Amino acid sequence: MDLSDAYANGPYIQGADDFPPRWAQEASAFRDSMGERAHLDIAYGEGDRHRFDLFLPEGTPKGVFVFVHGGYWMAFDKSSWSNLAAGLLERGWAVAMPSYDLCPDVRIADITRQIATAITRIAQEVPGPILLAGHSAGGHLVARMTGRDVLPAEVGTRLELVMPISPLSDLRPLMQTGMNEKFQMDLPAAEAESPILMQDRYDAKVVVWVGGEERPSFLDQAQWLAESWGAGHVVAAGKHHFDVIEPLADSESDMVRTLLGEI
């Protein structure tokens, strides 16, 4: 069975093509507005994409929030999401956003290791607790960061809350999509990178978030992760795959309040 359509988002979102340029424009304007509190392109590795942006709040940060972007491990970089830092910044948290290499140049397991390296480097910049959120493929990546075999203990034990947003939690169905030409996953690779199969995890609180108007496959993926981990599970009414992350920019949104443990 070909599941390509089941995992296609754009064709089912009105005005889908308008979102990426708007994301990039809003993110660029936000970076410009941050002035000296925006520290851009900090290296965490040797590759051209092994960089993260760090945005600092007024005063001493309460900790650091890391947002990992999506794009099916094949698209985008940190530069399209900067404005999503606004909500946590207003609450006194530093916010970091890493880029990573993309498939087919690397495998998904390589990207997992790169994000672990990035978060370890980010943890050196800002002391205190760590909050993680990631969207879609980024949701997969932040879920993987809870594994004790992924992040070193000195970083993993600082994880306070992890929010996979519209995550891909079981990669085995993706083997039945056309995208696997770029992922080049076989069953052992898909199983090794599937968060729902992870057993040994840090004890950070996990809340899985998904839009109520998303494709059934993404609603399933979110539910599978929440059930397999006994995690919190929020279905945001009226939100689809492209706008589900927008509340990160609002310091009083339910999403930000959940990240801060207020809900």
Protein backbone atom coordinates (compact mmCIF):
# COMPACT_ATOMS: atom_id res chain seq x y z
CA MET A 1 0.00 0.00 0.00
CA ASP A 2 1.32 3.43 -0.98
CA LEU A 3 0.84 5.86 1.93
CA SER A 4 2.24 8.92 0.15
CA ASP A 5 -1.10 10.74 0.10
CA ALA A 6 -1.81 9.91 3.74
CA TYR A 7 1.34 11.81 4.75
CA ALA A 8 0.87 14.74 2.32
CA ASN A 9 -0.08 17.97 4.11
CA GLY A 10 0.04 20.80 1.59
CA PRO A 11 -2.69 19.53 -0.77
CA TYR A 12 -5.15 19.55 2.13
CA ILE A 13 -4.40 23.04 3.48
CA GLN A 14 -6.00 26.08 1.85
CA GLY A 15 -3.35 28.54 0.70
CA ALA A 16 -0.54 26.15 1.59
CA ASP A 17 1.91 27.77 -0.82
CA ASP A 18 1.56 31.10 0.98
CA PHE A 19 2.87 29.81 4.29
CA PRO A 20 6.63 29.34 3.61
CA PRO A 21 7.27 32.85 2.25
CA ARG A 22 5.24 34.36 5.11
CA TRP A 23 7.20 32.30 7.64
CA ALA A 24 10.48 33.51 6.18
CA GLN A 25 9.38 37.17 6.10
CA GLU A 26 8.08 37.19 9.68
CA ALA A 27 11.18 35.40 10.93
CA SER A 28 13.52 37.86 9.21
CA ALA A 29 11.65 40.85 10.64
CA PHE A 30 11.84 39.32 14.10
CA ARG A 31 15.60 38.80 13.88
CA ASP A 32 16.04 42.40 12.79
CA SER A 33 13.97 43.57 15.76
CA MET A 34 16.10 41.66 18.29
CA GLY A 35 19.27 43.65 17.70
CA GLU A 36 22.13 42.60 19.98
CA ARG A 37 19.97 40.04 21.73
CA ALA A 38 20.10 37.87 18.59
CA HIS A 39 23.24 35.75 18.37
CA LEU A 40 23.13 34.15 14.93
CA ASP A 41 24.89 31.22 13.30
CA ILE A 42 26.66 29.83 16.36
CA ALA A 43 28.54 26.69 15.32
CA TYR A 44 27.86 23.34 16.94
CA GLY A 45 29.70 21.27 14.31
CA GLU A 46 31.82 21.51 11.21
CA GLY A 47 29.11 21.42 8.52
CA ASP A 48 27.65 24.48 6.86
CA ARG A 49 24.22 23.76 8.40
CA HIS A 50 25.58 22.91 11.84
CA ARG A 51 24.53 26.26 13.24
CA PHE A 52 21.99 27.60 15.70
CA ASP A 53 20.52 31.00 16.49
CA LEU A 54 20.23 32.06 20.12
CA PHE A 55 17.82 34.77 21.23
CA LEU A 56 18.25 36.22 24.70
CA PRO A 57 15.57 37.74 26.92
CA GLU A 58 15.90 40.90 28.93
CA GLY A 59 17.82 40.01 32.09
CA THR A 60 19.17 36.62 33.16
CA PRO A 61 17.48 33.72 31.34
CA LYS A 62 15.33 31.36 33.40
CA GLY A 63 16.59 28.55 31.18
CA VAL A 64 16.64 27.74 27.48
CA PHE A 65 13.89 26.68 25.09
CA VAL A 66 15.00 24.84 21.94
CA PHE A 67 12.73 24.67 18.91
CA VAL A 68 13.54 22.12 16.19
CA HIS A 69 11.96 22.76 12.79
CA GLY A 70 10.17 20.29 10.56
CA GLY A 71 10.07 19.70 6.81
CA TYR A 72 10.16 15.89 6.68
CA TRP A 73 13.94 15.98 7.37
CA MET A 74 14.23 17.27 3.76
CA ALA A 75 13.47 20.99 3.86
CA PHE A 76 13.84 24.32 5.68
CA ASP A 77 16.37 25.55 8.21
CA LYS A 78 16.36 27.66 11.37
CA SER A 79 15.82 30.93 9.51
CA SER A 80 12.07 30.44 8.88
CA TRP A 81 10.97 30.20 12.50
CA SER A 82 12.71 32.94 14.50
CA ASN A 83 9.47 34.77 15.35
CA LEU A 84 8.22 31.68 17.19
CA ALA A 85 10.76 32.57 19.89
CA ALA A 86 8.66 35.54 21.00
CA GLY A 87 6.41 33.75 23.47
CA LEU A 88 9.12 32.17 25.60
CA LEU A 89 11.37 35.22 25.31
CA GLU A 90 8.66 37.38 26.84
CA ARG A 91 8.51 34.89 29.69
CA GLY A 92 12.22 35.30 30.39
CA TRP A 93 13.64 32.26 28.61
CA ALA A 94 16.46 32.14 26.11
CA VAL A 95 15.42 30.51 22.84
CA ALA A 96 17.66 28.52 20.50
CA MET A 97 16.86 27.23 17.02
CA PRO A 98 19.25 24.84 15.23
CA SER A 99 19.57 23.84 11.60
CA TYR A 100 20.65 20.37 10.52
CA ASP A 101 21.65 18.47 7.41
CA LEU A 102 18.85 17.18 5.19
CA CYS A 103 17.98 13.91 3.51
CA PRO A 104 19.08 12.47 1.12
CA ASP A 105 22.52 13.87 1.94
CA VAL A 106 22.32 12.20 5.35
CA ARG A 107 20.09 9.64 7.05
CA ILE A 108 17.51 10.40 9.74
CA ALA A 109 19.74 8.77 12.37
CA ASP A 110 22.50 11.23 11.43
CA ILE A 111 20.10 14.13 11.97
CA THR A 112 19.18 12.77 15.40
CA ARG A 113 22.86 12.80 16.35
CA GLN A 114 23.28 16.32 14.99
CA ILE A 115 20.39 17.66 17.08
CA ALA A 116 21.80 15.96 20.16
CA THR A 117 25.12 17.68 19.49
CA ALA A 118 23.36 21.01 18.95
CA ILE A 119 21.39 20.77 22.20
CA THR A 120 24.53 19.79 24.10
CA ARG A 121 26.26 22.88 22.71
CA ILE A 122 23.23 25.08 23.47
CA ALA A 123 23.21 23.77 27.05
CA GLN A 124 26.73 25.13 27.44
CA GLU A 125 25.53 28.61 26.50
CA VAL A 126 22.61 28.86 28.91
CA PRO A 127 22.46 27.23 32.36
CA GLY A 128 19.32 25.94 34.02
CA PRO A 129 16.37 23.89 32.82
CA ILE A 130 15.81 22.98 29.17
CA LEU A 131 12.48 22.97 27.33
CA LEU A 132 12.20 21.30 23.93
CA ALA A 133 9.58 21.56 21.21
CA GLY A 134 9.73 20.40 17.62
CA HIS A 135 7.27 20.36 14.75
CA SER A 136 6.56 17.38 12.50
CA ALA A 137 9.99 15.89 11.74
CA GLY A 138 11.22 18.21 14.48
CA GLY A 139 8.65 16.58 16.76
CA HIS A 140 10.30 13.26 16.03
CA LEU A 141 13.70 14.74 16.80
CA VAL A 142 12.79 16.25 20.18
CA ALA A 143 11.07 13.01 21.16
CA ARG A 144 14.30 11.17 20.36
CA MET A 145 16.18 13.57 22.64
CA THR A 146 14.52 11.96 25.66
CA GLY A 147 16.50 8.77 25.05
CA ARG A 148 19.29 8.11 27.52
CA ASP A 149 21.38 6.82 24.63
CA VAL A 150 20.95 10.10 22.72
CA LEU A 151 21.72 13.02 25.04
CA PRO A 152 24.50 12.85 27.64
CA ALA A 153 23.27 12.65 31.22
CA GLU A 154 24.49 16.14 32.14
CA VAL A 155 22.13 17.51 29.49
CA GLY A 156 19.30 14.98 29.54
CA THR A 157 18.71 15.40 33.24
CA ARG A 158 18.12 19.11 32.64
CA LEU A 159 15.14 18.41 30.38
CA GLU A 160 12.06 19.79 32.09
CA LEU A 161 9.36 19.42 29.43
CA VAL A 162 9.41 18.07 25.88
CA MET A 163 6.61 18.92 23.44
CA PRO A 164 6.52 16.97 20.17
CA ILE A 165 4.13 18.97 17.97
CA SER A 166 2.42 16.97 15.19
CA PRO A 167 5.25 14.46 15.53
CA LEU A 168 6.25 11.51 13.42
CA SER A 169 6.57 8.91 16.14
CA ASP A 170 6.47 5.64 14.18
CA LEU A 171 8.65 5.81 11.09
CA ARG A 172 7.69 2.40 9.73
CA PRO A 173 4.69 3.71 7.72
CA LEU A 174 6.97 6.20 5.96
CA MET A 175 8.71 3.26 4.29
CA GLN A 176 5.51 2.99 2.22
CA THR A 177 5.74 6.54 0.87
CA GLY A 178 7.62 7.97 -2.08
CA MET A 179 9.69 9.98 0.39
CA ASN A 180 11.59 6.86 1.35
CA GLU A 181 13.58 7.24 -1.84
CA LYS A 182 15.32 10.05 0.03
CA PHE A 183 15.13 8.55 3.53
CA GLN A 184 16.46 5.18 2.33
CA MET A 185 15.10 3.49 5.44
CA ASP A 186 14.89 -0.24 5.86
CA LEU A 187 12.92 -1.80 8.72
CA PRO A 188 15.78 -1.87 11.27
CA ALA A 189 16.53 1.81 10.59
CA ALA A 190 12.86 2.79 10.89
CA GLU A 191 12.48 0.87 14.13
CA ALA A 192 15.67 2.34 15.60
CA GLU A 193 14.44 5.88 14.93
CA SER A 194 10.80 5.41 16.03
CA PRO A 195 10.13 7.17 19.36
CA ILE A 196 7.18 4.90 20.16
CA LEU A 197 9.64 2.02 20.49
CA MET A 198 12.03 3.84 22.85
CA GLN A 199 12.28 2.25 26.28
CA ASP A 200 15.03 3.95 28.28
CA ARG A 201 14.14 7.63 28.55
CA TYR A 202 14.90 10.58 30.78
CA ASP A 203 12.00 11.42 33.07
CA ALA A 204 11.16 14.81 31.56
CA LYS A 205 7.46 15.58 31.31
CA VAL A 206 6.16 15.02 27.76
CA VAL A 207 3.10 16.65 26.19
CA VAL A 208 2.21 15.64 22.64
CA TRP A 209 0.42 18.41 20.71
CA VAL A 210 -1.42 18.12 17.39
CA GLY A 211 -3.91 20.17 15.40
CA GLY A 212 -7.48 18.97 15.32
CA GLU A 213 -7.72 19.61 11.56
CA GLU A 214 -4.61 17.63 10.65
CA ARG A 215 -4.47 14.62 8.39
CA PRO A 216 -5.65 11.39 10.06
CA SER A 217 -2.14 9.98 9.82
CA PHE A 218 -0.76 12.80 11.98
CA LEU A 219 -3.59 12.50 14.47
CA ASP A 220 -2.71 8.80 14.67
CA GLN A 221 1.02 9.45 15.03
CA ALA A 222 0.40 11.85 17.93
CA GLN A 223 -1.97 9.45 19.65
CA TRP A 224 0.42 6.54 19.25
CA LEU A 225 3.20 8.47 20.97
CA ALA A 226 1.02 9.75 23.79
CA GLU A 227 -0.37 6.28 24.46
CA SER A 228 2.95 4.44 24.24
CA TRP A 229 4.64 6.88 26.61
CA GLY A 230 1.68 7.67 28.86
CA ALA A 231 2.26 11.31 27.94
CA GLY A 232 -0.03 14.32 27.90
CA HIS A 233 -2.01 14.70 24.67
CA VAL A 234 -3.54 17.94 23.38
CA VAL A 235 -5.63 18.14 20.21
CA ALA A 236 -5.86 21.84 19.31
CA ALA A 237 -9.25 22.56 17.78
CA GLY A 238 -9.24 24.29 14.40
CA LYS A 239 -5.50 23.98 13.80
CA HIS A 240 -3.92 22.29 10.79
CA HIS A 241 -0.37 21.12 10.20
CA PHE A 242 0.95 24.52 9.12
CA ASP A 243 -0.61 26.83 11.72
CA VAL A 244 -0.48 24.54 14.76
CA ILE A 245 2.87 26.06 15.83
CA GLU A 246 1.79 29.72 15.67
CA PRO A 247 0.84 29.91 19.40
CA LEU A 248 4.54 29.65 20.28
CA ALA A 249 4.78 33.35 19.42
CA ASP A 250 2.13 34.27 22.02
CA SER A 251 3.40 34.41 25.59
CA GLU A 252 -0.09 33.78 26.98
CA SER A 253 -1.13 30.96 24.64
CA ASP A 254 -2.07 27.57 26.01
CA MET A 255 0.93 26.11 24.19
CA VAL A 256 3.41 28.42 25.93
CA ARG A 257 1.66 28.01 29.26
CA THR A 258 1.86 24.24 28.87
CA LEU A 259 5.57 24.41 28.12
CA LEU A 260 6.01 26.41 31.32
CA GLY A 261 4.01 23.94 33.38
CA GLU A 262 1.17 26.40 34.06
CA ILE A 263 -1.44 24.11 32.51
